[in-house]
C-alpha atoms as a PDB file:
ATOM      1  CA  MET A   1     -76.271 -47.238 -30.109  1.00  0.00           C
ATOM      2  CA  ALA A   2     -73.893 -47.358 -27.139  1.00  0.00           C
ATOM      3  CA  LEU A   3     -70.833 -45.185 -26.920  1.00  0.00           C
ATOM      4  CA  ILE A   4     -67.537 -46.603 -25.756  1.00  0.00           C
ATOM      5  CA  ARG A   5     -65.779 -44.543 -23.125  1.00  0.00           C
ATOM      6  CA  ASN A   6     -62.211 -43.690 -24.008  1.00  0.00           C
ATOM      7  CA  GLU A   7     -60.406 -43.766 -20.639  1.00  0.00           C
ATOM      8  CA  GLU A   8     -57.232 -42.258 -22.083  1.00  0.00           C
ATOM      9  CA  VAL A   9     -59.027 -39.079 -23.158  1.00  0.00           C
ATOM     10  CA  LEU A  10     -60.993 -38.960 -19.915  1.00  0.00           C
ATOM     11  CA  ASN A  11     -57.817 -39.204 -17.812  1.00  0.00           C
ATOM     12  CA  LYS A  12     -56.106 -36.522 -19.890  1.00  0.00           C
ATOM     13  CA  GLU A  13     -59.066 -34.135 -19.405  1.00  0.00           C
ATOM     14  CA  GLU A  14     -59.142 -34.817 -15.687  1.00  0.00           C
ATOM     15  CA  SER A  15     -55.448 -34.161 -15.335  1.00  0.00           C
ATOM     16  CA  LEU A  16     -55.713 -30.903 -17.290  1.00  0.00           C
ATOM     17  CA  SER A  17     -58.628 -29.699 -15.207  1.00  0.00           C
ATOM     18  CA  HIS A  18     -56.918 -30.916 -12.046  1.00  0.00           C
ATOM     19  CA  SER A  19     -53.745 -28.990 -12.839  1.00  0.00           C
ATOM     20  CA  LYS A  20     -55.735 -25.882 -13.797  1.00  0.00           C
ATOM     21  CA  ALA A  21     -57.651 -26.057 -10.512  1.00  0.00           C
ATOM     22  CA  LYS A  22     -54.393 -26.343  -8.594  1.00  0.00           C
ATOM     23  CA  GLU A  23     -53.036 -23.344 -10.468  1.00  0.00           C
ATOM     24  CA  VAL A  24     -56.104 -21.216  -9.810  1.00  0.00           C
ATOM     25  CA  PHE A  25     -56.462 -22.093  -6.138  1.00  0.00           C
ATOM     26  CA  ALA A  26     -52.785 -22.228  -5.229  1.00  0.00           C
ATOM     27  CA  SER A  27     -51.869 -19.653  -2.637  1.00  0.00           C
ATOM     28  CA  SER A  28     -48.191 -19.525  -3.578  1.00  0.00           C
ATOM     29  CA  GLY A  29     -48.520 -16.403  -5.752  1.00  0.00           C
ATOM     30  CA  ARG A  30     -50.683 -14.401  -3.377  1.00  0.00           C
ATOM     31  CA  ALA A  31     -50.325 -12.937   0.055  1.00  0.00           C
ATOM     32  CA  PRO A  32     -52.173 -14.948   2.704  1.00  0.00           C
ATOM     33  CA  LYS A  33     -55.673 -13.656   3.339  1.00  0.00           C
ATOM     34  CA  GLU A  34     -56.198 -11.995   6.689  1.00  0.00           C
ATOM     35  CA  LYS A  35     -59.133 -12.907   8.851  1.00  0.00           C
ATOM     36  CA  LYS A  36     -61.697 -10.164   9.382  1.00  0.00           C
ATOM     37  CA  VAL A  37     -62.240  -8.651  12.805  1.00  0.00           C
ATOM     38  CA  LEU A  38     -65.789  -8.014  13.968  1.00  0.00           C
ATOM     39  CA  THR A  39     -66.164  -4.498  15.335  1.00  0.00           C
ATOM     40  CA  THR A  40     -69.116  -2.668  16.806  1.00  0.00           C
ATOM     41  CA  PHE A  41     -69.934   0.983  17.183  1.00  0.00           C
ATOM     42  CA  SER A  42     -72.999   3.038  18.031  1.00  0.00           C
ATOM     43  CA  ILE A  43     -74.628   5.670  15.836  1.00  0.00           C
ATOM     44  CA  GLU A  44     -78.002   7.341  15.754  1.00  0.00           C
ATOM     45  CA  PRO A  45     -80.663   5.442  13.757  1.00  0.00           C
ATOM     46  CA  SER A  46     -81.355   8.487  11.557  1.00  0.00           C
ATOM     47  CA  PHE A  47     -77.669   8.831  10.651  1.00  0.00           C
ATOM     48  CA  LYS A  48     -77.472   5.099   9.898  1.00  0.00           C
ATOM     49  CA  ALA A  49     -80.479   5.439   7.577  1.00  0.00           C
ATOM     50  CA  GLU A  50     -78.732   8.313   5.758  1.00  0.00           C
ATOM     51  CA  LEU A  51     -75.577   6.234   5.375  1.00  0.00           C
ATOM     52  CA  GLU A  52     -77.548   3.212   4.169  1.00  0.00           C
ATOM     53  CA  ASP A  53     -79.202   5.380   1.504  1.00  0.00           C
ATOM     54  CA  LEU A  54     -75.826   6.792   0.453  1.00  0.00           C
ATOM     55  CA  PHE A  55     -74.232   3.351   0.266  1.00  0.00           C
ATOM     56  CA  ASP A  56     -77.247   2.003  -1.627  1.00  0.00           C
ATOM     57  CA  ASP A  57     -76.859   4.793  -4.196  1.00  0.00           C
ATOM     58  CA  MET A  58     -73.221   3.740  -4.570  1.00  0.00           C
ATOM     59  CA  GLY A  59     -74.279   0.094  -5.017  1.00  0.00           C
ATOM     60  CA  LEU A  60     -72.727  -1.003  -1.726  1.00  0.00           C
ATOM     61  CA  SER A  61     -74.097  -2.963   1.186  1.00  0.00           C
ATOM     62  CA  TRP A  62     -73.858  -1.569   4.714  1.00  0.00           C
ATOM     63  CA  ALA A  63     -70.645  -3.462   5.538  1.00  0.00           C
ATOM     64  CA  ALA A  64     -69.012  -2.739   2.180  1.00  0.00           C
ATOM     65  CA  GLY A  65     -69.904   0.945   2.526  1.00  0.00           C
ATOM     66  CA  ILE A  66     -68.366   1.158   5.990  1.00  0.00           C
ATOM     67  CA  ARG A  67     -65.189  -0.577   4.774  1.00  0.00           C
ATOM     68  CA  PHE A  68     -65.035   1.811   1.803  1.00  0.00           C
ATOM     69  CA  ALA A  69     -65.527   4.854   4.043  1.00  0.00           C
ATOM     70  CA  LEU A  70     -62.839   3.697   6.479  1.00  0.00           C
ATOM     71  CA  LYS A  71     -60.343   3.075   3.661  1.00  0.00           C
ATOM     72  CA  GLU A  72     -61.022   6.510   2.163  1.00  0.00           C
ATOM     73  CA  PHE A  73     -60.691   8.146   5.586  1.00  0.00           C
ATOM     74  CA  SER A  74     -57.414   6.325   6.148  1.00  0.00           C
ATOM     75  CA  LYS A  75     -56.066   7.437   2.734  1.00  0.00           C
ATOM     76  CA  LYS A  76     -57.035  11.042   3.352  1.00  0.00           C
ATOM     77  CA  TYR A  77     -55.712  11.356   6.883  1.00  0.00           C
ATOM     78  CA  THR A  78     -52.578   9.192   6.908  1.00  0.00           C
ATOM     79  CA  ASN A  79     -50.288  12.206   7.101  1.00  0.00           C
END
């Protein structure tokens, strides 16, 4: 048995999903996202291994751990 496509319902669903997508991805309600800056620094391999273990225990990747540490440092020493 063949089903007949109801274009009216299909168009209504598309317009609802289209408007919802616009609402979700609209940047009008948020601050514009800043681009990240690539930075480099040198540390001893043993210290990096210690930090990697610490970040891993916290459930963070290397980059996320460094960002977290820098934010915490900034909070603590802003004054």
